[in-house]
Amino acid sequence: MAHILHIDASPRGDRSISRTLSKEFVNDWKATHPDDTVTYRDLGHNPVPLVTEPWIAAAYSSPEQHTPEQAEAIRISDELVDEFLAADRFVFALPMYNFSISASFKAYIDQIVRVGRTFAVDENGYKGLVHGKKALVVAAQGGSYPEGSPAHSYDMQTPYLQLILGFMGITDLQFIRADNLMGGEEGRNQAIANAQSALKAAVSNW
């Protein structure tokens, strides 16, 4: 039995492609794996706080040293990290904004990348502390950025996610993209259909 953390980052509702696709996938997954459990977090509609100076002071000191302000600043981060570490698998539904991730998801990343919790530093450098977990990224992209194309360098979403998740120790990543969503109705519909097909297959092989 696996526990999945499903995260939406789009501020849109029913118009969101990433939301729609990830919801379809999770519903199909639950139907196929009825013993698995899912925790859902909606960052697009309920964003987490940005990192502040009291947060930084709390993150780099022991709880016994925290002032009331620092304890409150780090409280949500502690809850988010606990939730993150409790999951075996992650479904991240992410729109591409300005060739990268949304501000809401970046704020979440800043809350969970924590020294001593999700990464460590020793004499050999950085070391991820989150192991044995899988992540599925469902990305909605207005353009198309395939490898080998002139536009490939514009995709900073994929390499950033590979880097930051790998930094924490999560290297088993699968990306399913609905791309070229601004390429006209026919291209948009085909991209969504292709992503739906890939997600159906992922229910069996993820």
C-alpha atoms as a PDB file:
ATOM      1  CA  MET A   1       0.000   0.000   0.000  1.00  0.00           C
ATOM      2  CA  ALA A   2       1.355   3.407  -1.016  1.00  0.00           C
ATOM      3  CA  HIS A   3       0.577   6.910   0.170  1.00  0.00           C
ATOM      4  CA  ILE A   4       0.406   9.635  -2.491  1.00  0.00           C
ATOM      5  CA  LEU A   5       0.760  13.380  -1.992  1.00  0.00           C
ATOM      6  CA  HIS A   6      -1.147  15.117  -4.788  1.00  0.00           C
ATOM      7  CA  ILE A   7      -0.372  18.814  -5.267  1.00  0.00           C
ATOM      8  CA  ASP A   8      -2.074  21.301  -7.588  1.00  0.00           C
ATOM      9  CA  ALA A   9      -0.330  24.624  -8.202  1.00  0.00           C
ATOM     10  CA  SER A  10      -2.555  26.327 -10.776  1.00  0.00           C
ATOM     11  CA  PRO A  11      -4.658  29.309  -9.610  1.00  0.00           C
ATOM     12  CA  ARG A  12      -7.270  28.330 -12.175  1.00  0.00           C
ATOM     13  CA  GLY A  13     -10.249  26.119 -11.394  1.00  0.00           C
ATOM     14  CA  ASP A  14     -11.962  23.921 -13.962  1.00  0.00           C
ATOM     15  CA  ARG A  15     -10.133  25.738 -16.785  1.00  0.00           C
ATOM     16  CA  SER A  16      -6.797  24.417 -15.540  1.00  0.00           C
ATOM     17  CA  ILE A  17      -5.319  21.708 -17.767  1.00  0.00           C
ATOM     18  CA  SER A  18      -2.825  20.562 -15.124  1.00  0.00           C
ATOM     19  CA  ARG A  19      -5.612  20.244 -12.536  1.00  0.00           C
ATOM     20  CA  THR A  20      -7.869  18.340 -14.879  1.00  0.00           C
ATOM     21  CA  LEU A  21      -5.164  15.911 -15.970  1.00  0.00           C
ATOM     22  CA  SER A  22      -3.839  15.234 -12.468  1.00  0.00           C
ATOM     23  CA  LYS A  23      -7.365  14.708 -11.128  1.00  0.00           C
ATOM     24  CA  GLU A  24      -8.095  12.178 -13.884  1.00  0.00           C
ATOM     25  CA  PHE A  25      -4.854  10.361 -13.114  1.00  0.00           C
ATOM     26  CA  VAL A  26      -5.417  10.213  -9.356  1.00  0.00           C
ATOM     27  CA  ASN A  27      -8.999   9.004  -9.830  1.00  0.00           C
ATOM     28  CA  ASP A  28      -7.811   6.271 -12.199  1.00  0.00           C
ATOM     29  CA  TRP A  29      -5.011   5.381  -9.792  1.00  0.00           C
ATOM     30  CA  LYS A  30      -7.387   5.031  -6.845  1.00  0.00           C
ATOM     31  CA  ALA A  31      -9.724   2.861  -8.915  1.00  0.00           C
ATOM     32  CA  THR A  32      -6.816   0.569  -9.836  1.00  0.00           C
ATOM     33  CA  HIS A  33      -5.066   0.705  -6.444  1.00  0.00           C
ATOM     34  CA  PRO A  34      -7.939   0.931  -3.931  1.00  0.00           C
ATOM     35  CA  ASP A  35      -5.720   0.272  -0.909  1.00  0.00           C
ATOM     36  CA  ASP A  36      -3.528   3.311  -1.597  1.00  0.00           C
ATOM     37  CA  THR A  37      -4.219   6.599   0.188  1.00  0.00           C
ATOM     38  CA  VAL A  38      -4.010  10.165  -1.103  1.00  0.00           C
ATOM     39  CA  THR A  39      -3.344  13.477   0.621  1.00  0.00           C
ATOM     40  CA  TYR A  40      -4.305  16.514  -1.436  1.00  0.00           C
ATOM     41  CA  ARG A  41      -2.871  20.032  -1.229  1.00  0.00           C
ATOM     42  CA  ASP A  42      -4.065  22.939  -3.360  1.00  0.00           C
ATOM     43  CA  LEU A  43      -1.292  25.516  -3.564  1.00  0.00           C
ATOM     44  CA  GLY A  44      -2.983  27.450  -6.344  1.00  0.00           C
ATOM     45  CA  HIS A  45      -5.991  28.325  -4.216  1.00  0.00           C
ATOM     46  CA  ASN A  46      -4.344  28.068  -0.792  1.00  0.00           C
ATOM     47  CA  PRO A  47      -0.737  29.250  -1.161  1.00  0.00           C
ATOM     48  CA  VAL A  48       1.796  28.740   1.589  1.00  0.00           C
ATOM     49  CA  PRO A  49       3.660  31.690   3.155  1.00  0.00           C
ATOM     50  CA  LEU A  50       6.908  33.023   1.786  1.00  0.00           C
ATOM     51  CA  VAL A  51      10.123  32.546   3.722  1.00  0.00           C
ATOM     52  CA  THR A  52      10.778  35.381   6.181  1.00  0.00           C
ATOM     53  CA  GLU A  53      13.666  36.423   8.418  1.00  0.00           C
ATOM     54  CA  PRO A  54      12.149  34.711  11.511  1.00  0.00           C
ATOM     55  CA  TRP A  55      11.683  31.571   9.378  1.00  0.00           C
ATOM     56  CA  ILE A  56      15.367  31.565   8.443  1.00  0.00           C
ATOM     57  CA  ALA A  57      16.436  32.079  12.053  1.00  0.00           C
ATOM     58  CA  ALA A  58      14.216  29.177  13.140  1.00  0.00           C
ATOM     59  CA  ALA A  59      15.341  26.847  10.358  1.00  0.00           C
ATOM     60  CA  TYR A  60      18.978  27.240  11.350  1.00  0.00           C
ATOM     61  CA  SER A  61      18.608  26.946  15.119  1.00  0.00           C
ATOM     62  CA  SER A  62      17.261  24.376  17.566  1.00  0.00           C
ATOM     63  CA  PRO A  63      13.594  24.534  18.646  1.00  0.00           C
ATOM     64  CA  GLU A  64      14.698  25.227  22.235  1.00  0.00           C
ATOM     65  CA  GLN A  65      16.174  28.527  21.047  1.00  0.00           C
ATOM     66  CA  HIS A  66      13.125  29.724  19.118  1.00  0.00           C
ATOM     67  CA  THR A  67      11.309  32.876  20.087  1.00  0.00           C
ATOM     68  CA  PRO A  68       7.495  32.734  19.830  1.00  0.00           C
ATOM     69  CA  GLU A  69       7.742  34.596  16.510  1.00  0.00           C
ATOM     70  CA  GLN A  70      10.263  32.102  15.137  1.00  0.00           C
ATOM     71  CA  ALA A  71       8.241  29.111  16.348  1.00  0.00           C
ATOM     72  CA  GLU A  72       5.173  30.412  14.546  1.00  0.00           C
ATOM     73  CA  ALA A  73       7.182  31.215  11.408  1.00  0.00           C
ATOM     74  CA  ILE A  74       8.516  27.639  11.120  1.00  0.00           C
ATOM     75  CA  ARG A  75       5.329  25.855  12.223  1.00  0.00           C
ATOM     76  CA  ILE A  76       3.777  25.599   8.758  1.00  0.00           C
ATOM     77  CA  SER A  77       7.094  24.469   7.278  1.00  0.00           C
ATOM     78  CA  ASP A  78       7.308  21.681   9.854  1.00  0.00           C
ATOM     79  CA  GLU A  79       3.779  20.560   8.943  1.00  0.00           C
ATOM     80  CA  LEU A  80       4.563  20.636   5.225  1.00  0.00           C
ATOM     81  CA  VAL A  81       7.802  18.687   5.656  1.00  0.00           C
ATOM     82  CA  ASP A  82       6.063  16.059   7.811  1.00  0.00           C
ATOM     83  CA  GLU A  83       3.360  15.703   5.157  1.00  0.00           C
ATOM     84  CA  PHE A  84       5.975  15.485   2.406  1.00  0.00           C
ATOM     85  CA  LEU A  85       8.043  12.843   4.175  1.00  0.00           C
ATOM     86  CA  ALA A  86       4.957  10.754   4.953  1.00  0.00           C
ATOM     87  CA  ALA A  87       4.299  10.219   1.242  1.00  0.00           C
ATOM     88  CA  ASP A  88       5.736   7.396  -0.860  1.00  0.00           C
ATOM     89  CA  ARG A  89       4.830   9.017  -4.179  1.00  0.00           C
ATOM     90  CA  PHE A  90       4.133  12.523  -5.390  1.00  0.00           C
ATOM     91  CA  VAL A  91       1.859  13.849  -8.123  1.00  0.00           C
ATOM     92  CA  PHE A  92       2.785  17.446  -8.923  1.00  0.00           C
ATOM     93  CA  ALA A  93       0.358  19.238 -11.272  1.00  0.00           C
ATOM     94  CA  LEU A  94       2.257  22.281 -12.475  1.00  0.00           C
ATOM     95  CA  PRO A  95       1.563  24.976 -15.049  1.00  0.00           C
ATOM     96  CA  MET A  96       4.596  26.530 -16.697  1.00  0.00           C
ATOM     97  CA  TYR A  97       4.888  30.238 -15.925  1.00  0.00           C
ATOM     98  CA  ASN A  98       7.499  32.269 -17.778  1.00  0.00           C
ATOM     99  CA  PHE A  99       9.306  29.050 -18.731  1.00  0.00           C
ATOM    100  CA  SER A 100       9.573  27.810 -15.122  1.00  0.00           C
ATOM    101  CA  ILE A 101       7.356  26.969 -12.141  1.00  0.00           C
ATOM    102  CA  SER A 102       4.674  29.135 -10.556  1.00  0.00           C
ATOM    103  CA  ALA A 103       5.342  31.353  -7.550  1.00  0.00           C
ATOM    104  CA  SER A 104       2.996  29.224  -5.450  1.00  0.00           C
ATOM    105  CA  PHE A 105       5.024  26.069  -6.095  1.00  0.00           C
ATOM    106  CA  LYS A 106       8.335  27.881  -5.559  1.00  0.00           C
ATOM    107  CA  ALA A 107       7.060  29.073  -2.164  1.00  0.00           C
ATOM    108  CA  TYR A 108       6.200  25.462  -1.336  1.00  0.00           C
ATOM    109  CA  ILE A 109       9.656  24.251  -2.394  1.00  0.00           C
ATOM    110  CA  ASP A 110      11.244  26.921  -0.192  1.00  0.00           C
ATOM    111  CA  GLN A 111       9.192  25.645   2.752  1.00  0.00           C
ATOM    112  CA  ILE A 112      10.164  21.977   2.385  1.00  0.00           C
ATOM    113  CA  VAL A 113      13.836  22.182   1.378  1.00  0.00           C
ATOM    114  CA  ARG A 114      15.139  22.158   4.935  1.00  0.00           C
ATOM    115  CA  VAL A 115      18.589  21.378   6.271  1.00  0.00           C
ATOM    116  CA  GLY A 116      18.446  18.410   8.612  1.00  0.00           C
ATOM    117  CA  ARG A 117      14.999  17.420   7.339  1.00  0.00           C
ATOM    118  CA  THR A 118      15.162  16.941   3.564  1.00  0.00           C
ATOM    119  CA  PHE A 119      18.881  17.534   2.948  1.00  0.00           C
ATOM    120  CA  ALA A 120      22.124  17.579   4.904  1.00  0.00           C
ATOM    121  CA  VAL A 121      25.593  19.027   4.479  1.00  0.00           C
ATOM    122  CA  ASP A 122      28.707  17.060   5.393  1.00  0.00           C
ATOM    123  CA  GLU A 123      32.374  17.005   4.469  1.00  0.00           C
ATOM    124  CA  ASN A 124      31.460  15.717   1.008  1.00  0.00           C
ATOM    125  CA  GLY A 125      28.935  18.454   0.321  1.00  0.00           C
ATOM    126  CA  TYR A 126      25.161  18.239  -0.026  1.00  0.00           C
ATOM    127  CA  LYS A 127      23.273  15.013   0.648  1.00  0.00           C
ATOM    128  CA  GLY A 128      19.596  14.368   0.021  1.00  0.00           C
ATOM    129  CA  LEU A 129      17.666  12.764   2.865  1.00  0.00           C
ATOM    130  CA  VAL A 130      14.487  11.780   0.964  1.00  0.00           C
ATOM    131  CA  HIS A 131      14.941   8.353  -0.612  1.00  0.00           C
ATOM    132  CA  GLY A 132      12.889   5.520  -2.059  1.00  0.00           C
ATOM    133  CA  LYS A 133      10.148   7.790  -3.387  1.00  0.00           C
ATOM    134  CA  LYS A 134       8.749   8.505  -6.853  1.00  0.00           C
ATOM    135  CA  ALA A 135       7.439  11.709  -8.394  1.00  0.00           C
ATOM    136  CA  LEU A 136       5.129  12.220 -11.357  1.00  0.00           C
ATOM    137  CA  VAL A 137       5.084  15.734 -12.799  1.00  0.00           C
ATOM    138  CA  VAL A 138       2.010  16.650 -14.838  1.00  0.00           C
ATOM    139  CA  ALA A 139       3.043  19.822 -16.650  1.00  0.00           C
ATOM    140  CA  ALA A 140       0.912  22.197 -18.700  1.00  0.00           C
ATOM    141  CA  GLN A 141       3.000  24.258 -21.124  1.00  0.00           C
ATOM    142  CA  GLY A 142       1.890  26.903 -23.599  1.00  0.00           C
ATOM    143  CA  GLY A 143       4.729  26.147 -26.002  1.00  0.00           C
ATOM    144  CA  SER A 144       6.686  23.088 -27.041  1.00  0.00           C
ATOM    145  CA  TYR A 145      10.317  22.625 -26.006  1.00  0.00           C
ATOM    146  CA  PRO A 146      11.563  19.229 -27.205  1.00  0.00           C
ATOM    147  CA  GLU A 147      15.212  18.275 -26.891  1.00  0.00           C
ATOM    148  CA  GLY A 148      17.200  19.223 -29.957  1.00  0.00           C
ATOM    149  CA  SER A 149      14.882  22.081 -30.884  1.00  0.00           C
ATOM    150  CA  PRO A 150      15.857  25.773 -30.818  1.00  0.00           C
ATOM    151  CA  ALA A 151      13.218  26.300 -28.114  1.00  0.00           C
ATOM    152  CA  HIS A 152      14.548  23.618 -25.770  1.00  0.00           C
ATOM    153  CA  SER A 153      16.615  26.050 -23.700  1.00  0.00           C
ATOM    154  CA  TYR A 154      13.455  27.957 -22.783  1.00  0.00           C
ATOM    155  CA  ASP A 155      12.237  25.033 -20.678  1.00  0.00           C
ATOM    156  CA  MET A 156      13.643  25.859 -17.263  1.00  0.00           C
ATOM    157  CA  GLN A 157      10.797  24.034 -15.541  1.00  0.00           C
ATOM    158  CA  THR A 158      12.105  20.531 -16.202  1.00  0.00           C
ATOM    159  CA  PRO A 159      15.776  21.001 -15.239  1.00  0.00           C
ATOM    160  CA  TYR A 160      14.863  22.974 -12.124  1.00  0.00           C
ATOM    161  CA  LEU A 161      12.526  20.246 -10.894  1.00  0.00           C
ATOM    162  CA  GLN A 162      15.101  17.567 -11.666  1.00  0.00           C
ATOM    163  CA  LEU A 163      17.713  19.524  -9.736  1.00  0.00           C
ATOM    164  CA  ILE A 164      15.705  20.505  -6.659  1.00  0.00           C
ATOM    165  CA  LEU A 165      13.920  17.170  -6.237  1.00  0.00           C
ATOM    166  CA  GLY A 166      17.192  15.338  -6.835  1.00  0.00           C
ATOM    167  CA  PHE A 167      18.848  17.633  -4.297  1.00  0.00           C
ATOM    168  CA  MET A 168      16.478  16.178  -1.703  1.00  0.00           C
ATOM    169  CA  GLY A 169      17.146  12.641  -2.957  1.00  0.00           C
ATOM    170  CA  ILE A 170      14.164  12.089  -5.287  1.00  0.00           C
ATOM    171  CA  THR A 171      15.608  10.955  -8.599  1.00  0.00           C
ATOM    172  CA  ASP A 172      12.845   8.612  -9.808  1.00  0.00           C
ATOM    173  CA  LEU A 173      10.955  11.237 -11.819  1.00  0.00           C
ATOM    174  CA  GLN A 174       8.471  10.941 -14.653  1.00  0.00           C
ATOM    175  CA  PHE A 175       7.315  13.954 -16.662  1.00  0.00           C
ATOM    176  CA  ILE A 176       4.073  13.950 -18.632  1.00  0.00           C
ATOM    177  CA  ARG A 177       3.453  17.186 -20.500  1.00  0.00           C
ATOM    178  CA  ALA A 178       0.481  18.748 -22.208  1.00  0.00           C
ATOM    179  CA  ASP A 179       2.537  21.156 -24.300  1.00  0.00           C
ATOM    180  CA  ASN A 180       1.853  23.516 -27.190  1.00  0.00           C
ATOM    181  CA  LEU A 181      -1.393  24.557 -25.495  1.00  0.00           C
ATOM    182  CA  MET A 182      -1.226  27.946 -27.219  1.00  0.00           C
ATOM    183  CA  GLY A 183      -0.662  26.382 -30.640  1.00  0.00           C
ATOM    184  CA  GLY A 184      -4.275  26.541 -31.816  1.00  0.00           C
ATOM    185  CA  GLU A 185      -7.326  24.427 -31.035  1.00  0.00           C
ATOM    186  CA  GLU A 186      -6.242  21.351 -32.973  1.00  0.00           C
ATOM    187  CA  GLY A 187      -2.754  21.308 -31.456  1.00  0.00           C
ATOM    188  CA  ARG A 188      -4.157  21.966 -27.996  1.00  0.00           C
ATOM    189  CA  ASN A 189      -6.668  19.131 -28.221  1.00  0.00           C
ATOM    190  CA  GLN A 190      -4.024  16.752 -29.516  1.00  0.00           C
ATOM    191  CA  ALA A 191      -1.601  17.685 -26.725  1.00  0.00           C
ATOM    192  CA  ILE A 192      -4.253  17.064 -24.072  1.00  0.00           C
ATOM    193  CA  ALA A 193      -5.200  13.731 -25.658  1.00  0.00           C
ATOM    194  CA  ASN A 194      -1.543  12.682 -25.768  1.00  0.00           C
ATOM    195  CA  ALA A 195      -1.081  13.559 -22.096  1.00  0.00           C
ATOM    196  CA  GLN A 196      -4.254  11.685 -21.136  1.00  0.00           C
ATOM    197  CA  SER A 197      -3.010   8.611 -22.969  1.00  0.00           C
ATOM    198  CA  ALA A 198       0.385   8.789 -21.254  1.00  0.00           C
ATOM    199  CA  LEU A 199      -1.281   9.191 -17.857  1.00  0.00           C
ATOM    200  CA  LYS A 200      -3.532   6.178 -18.492  1.00  0.00           C
ATOM    201  CA  ALA A 201      -0.397   4.147 -19.209  1.00  0.00           C
ATOM    202  CA  ALA A 202       1.282   5.526 -16.076  1.00  0.00           C
ATOM    203  CA  VAL A 203      -1.484   4.047 -13.910  1.00  0.00           C
ATOM    204  CA  SER A 204      -0.032   0.648 -14.772  1.00  0.00           C
ATOM    205  CA  ASN A 205       3.687   1.350 -15.008  1.00  0.00           C
ATOM    206  CA  TRP A 206       4.444   4.137 -12.496  1.00  0.00           C
END
